[in-house]
């Protein structure tokens, strides 16, 4: 399941590049379970970044929560 956790709008001039950073906090990976407890499950999370979730050139990394 994909879920948007952060967003920044960046304007670039032709040929310009910029580095964009995000902080992934435990709260951003938490969700409400069936009993309405706000939890974070242990496991691997695939973090993707790009101009769109449909972008075939998404940058990806794996984050492990223990």
C-alpha atoms as a PDB file:
ATOM      1  CA  UNK A   1       0.000   0.000   0.000  1.00  0.00           C
ATOM      2  CA  UNK A   2       1.353   3.437  -0.924  1.00  0.00           C
ATOM      3  CA  UNK A   3       0.659   6.380   1.328  1.00  0.00           C
ATOM      4  CA  UNK A   4       1.863   9.976   1.011  1.00  0.00           C
ATOM      5  CA  UNK A   5       3.810  10.928   4.142  1.00  0.00           C
ATOM      6  CA  UNK A   6       5.431  14.215   3.169  1.00  0.00           C
ATOM      7  CA  UNK A   7       5.415  16.715   0.336  1.00  0.00           C
ATOM      8  CA  UNK A   8       7.490  19.688  -0.761  1.00  0.00           C
ATOM      9  CA  UNK A   9       6.926  21.812  -3.822  1.00  0.00           C
ATOM     10  CA  UNK A  10      10.229  22.779  -5.433  1.00  0.00           C
ATOM     11  CA  UNK A  11      10.593  25.178  -8.345  1.00  0.00           C
ATOM     12  CA  UNK A  12      13.540  24.618 -10.659  1.00  0.00           C
ATOM     13  CA  UNK A  13      14.911  26.570 -13.576  1.00  0.00           C
ATOM     14  CA  UNK A  14      15.932  24.699 -16.687  1.00  0.00           C
ATOM     15  CA  UNK A  15      19.048  22.641 -15.913  1.00  0.00           C
ATOM     16  CA  UNK A  16      18.900  23.436 -12.180  1.00  0.00           C
ATOM     17  CA  UNK A  17      19.038  20.724  -9.509  1.00  0.00           C
ATOM     18  CA  UNK A  18      18.273  20.869  -5.802  1.00  0.00           C
ATOM     19  CA  UNK A  19      18.566  18.423  -2.942  1.00  0.00           C
ATOM     20  CA  UNK A  20      15.366  17.906  -0.959  1.00  0.00           C
ATOM     21  CA  UNK A  21      15.388  16.253   2.468  1.00  0.00           C
ATOM     22  CA  UNK A  22      12.603  14.710   4.536  1.00  0.00           C
ATOM     23  CA  UNK A  23      12.606  13.337   8.058  1.00  0.00           C
ATOM     24  CA  UNK A  24      10.678  10.103   8.494  1.00  0.00           C
ATOM     25  CA  UNK A  25       9.456  10.030  12.100  1.00  0.00           C
ATOM     26  CA  UNK A  26       7.718   7.119  13.839  1.00  0.00           C
ATOM     27  CA  UNK A  27       4.486   9.124  13.751  1.00  0.00           C
ATOM     28  CA  UNK A  28       4.631   9.225   9.941  1.00  0.00           C
ATOM     29  CA  UNK A  29       4.743   5.413   9.852  1.00  0.00           C
ATOM     30  CA  UNK A  30       2.005   4.935  12.461  1.00  0.00           C
ATOM     31  CA  UNK A  31      -1.607   4.089  11.776  1.00  0.00           C
ATOM     32  CA  UNK A  32      -4.805   3.137  13.596  1.00  0.00           C
ATOM     33  CA  UNK A  33      -5.339  -0.605  13.943  1.00  0.00           C
ATOM     34  CA  UNK A  34      -8.743  -2.337  14.085  1.00  0.00           C
ATOM     35  CA  UNK A  35      -9.060  -1.508  17.789  1.00  0.00           C
ATOM     36  CA  UNK A  36      -8.271   2.159  17.059  1.00  0.00           C
ATOM     37  CA  UNK A  37      -4.847   1.982  18.727  1.00  0.00           C
ATOM     38  CA  UNK A  38      -2.288   4.293  17.111  1.00  0.00           C
ATOM     39  CA  UNK A  39       0.592   1.887  16.405  1.00  0.00           C
ATOM     40  CA  UNK A  40       3.648   1.318  14.287  1.00  0.00           C
ATOM     41  CA  UNK A  41       4.326  -2.232  13.204  1.00  0.00           C
ATOM     42  CA  UNK A  42       7.867  -3.579  13.011  1.00  0.00           C
ATOM     43  CA  UNK A  43       9.141  -4.538   9.589  1.00  0.00           C
ATOM     44  CA  UNK A  44      10.570  -3.122   6.414  1.00  0.00           C
ATOM     45  CA  UNK A  45       9.163  -0.005   4.797  1.00  0.00           C
ATOM     46  CA  UNK A  46      10.008   0.950   1.214  1.00  0.00           C
ATOM     47  CA  UNK A  47      10.512   4.714   1.080  1.00  0.00           C
ATOM     48  CA  UNK A  48      10.118   6.243  -2.388  1.00  0.00           C
ATOM     49  CA  UNK A  49      10.738   9.772  -3.604  1.00  0.00           C
ATOM     50  CA  UNK A  50      10.088  11.427  -6.921  1.00  0.00           C
ATOM     51  CA  UNK A  51       7.931  13.853  -8.835  1.00  0.00           C
ATOM     52  CA  UNK A  52       4.891  11.549  -8.750  1.00  0.00           C
ATOM     53  CA  UNK A  53       3.908   8.155  -7.326  1.00  0.00           C
ATOM     54  CA  UNK A  54       3.510   7.100 -10.965  1.00  0.00           C
ATOM     55  CA  UNK A  55       7.070   8.225 -11.774  1.00  0.00           C
ATOM     56  CA  UNK A  56       9.097   5.289 -13.114  1.00  0.00           C
ATOM     57  CA  UNK A  57      12.312   6.969 -11.898  1.00  0.00           C
ATOM     58  CA  UNK A  58      11.400   7.001  -8.185  1.00  0.00           C
ATOM     59  CA  UNK A  59      14.349   6.923  -5.799  1.00  0.00           C
ATOM     60  CA  UNK A  60      13.874   4.077  -3.321  1.00  0.00           C
ATOM     61  CA  UNK A  61      15.365   2.959  -0.020  1.00  0.00           C
ATOM     62  CA  UNK A  62      14.357   0.476   2.675  1.00  0.00           C
ATOM     63  CA  UNK A  63      13.742   1.543   6.289  1.00  0.00           C
ATOM     64  CA  UNK A  64      13.610  -1.190   8.952  1.00  0.00           C
ATOM     65  CA  UNK A  65      11.574  -0.680  12.127  1.00  0.00           C
ATOM     66  CA  UNK A  66      12.326  -3.063  15.005  1.00  0.00           C
END
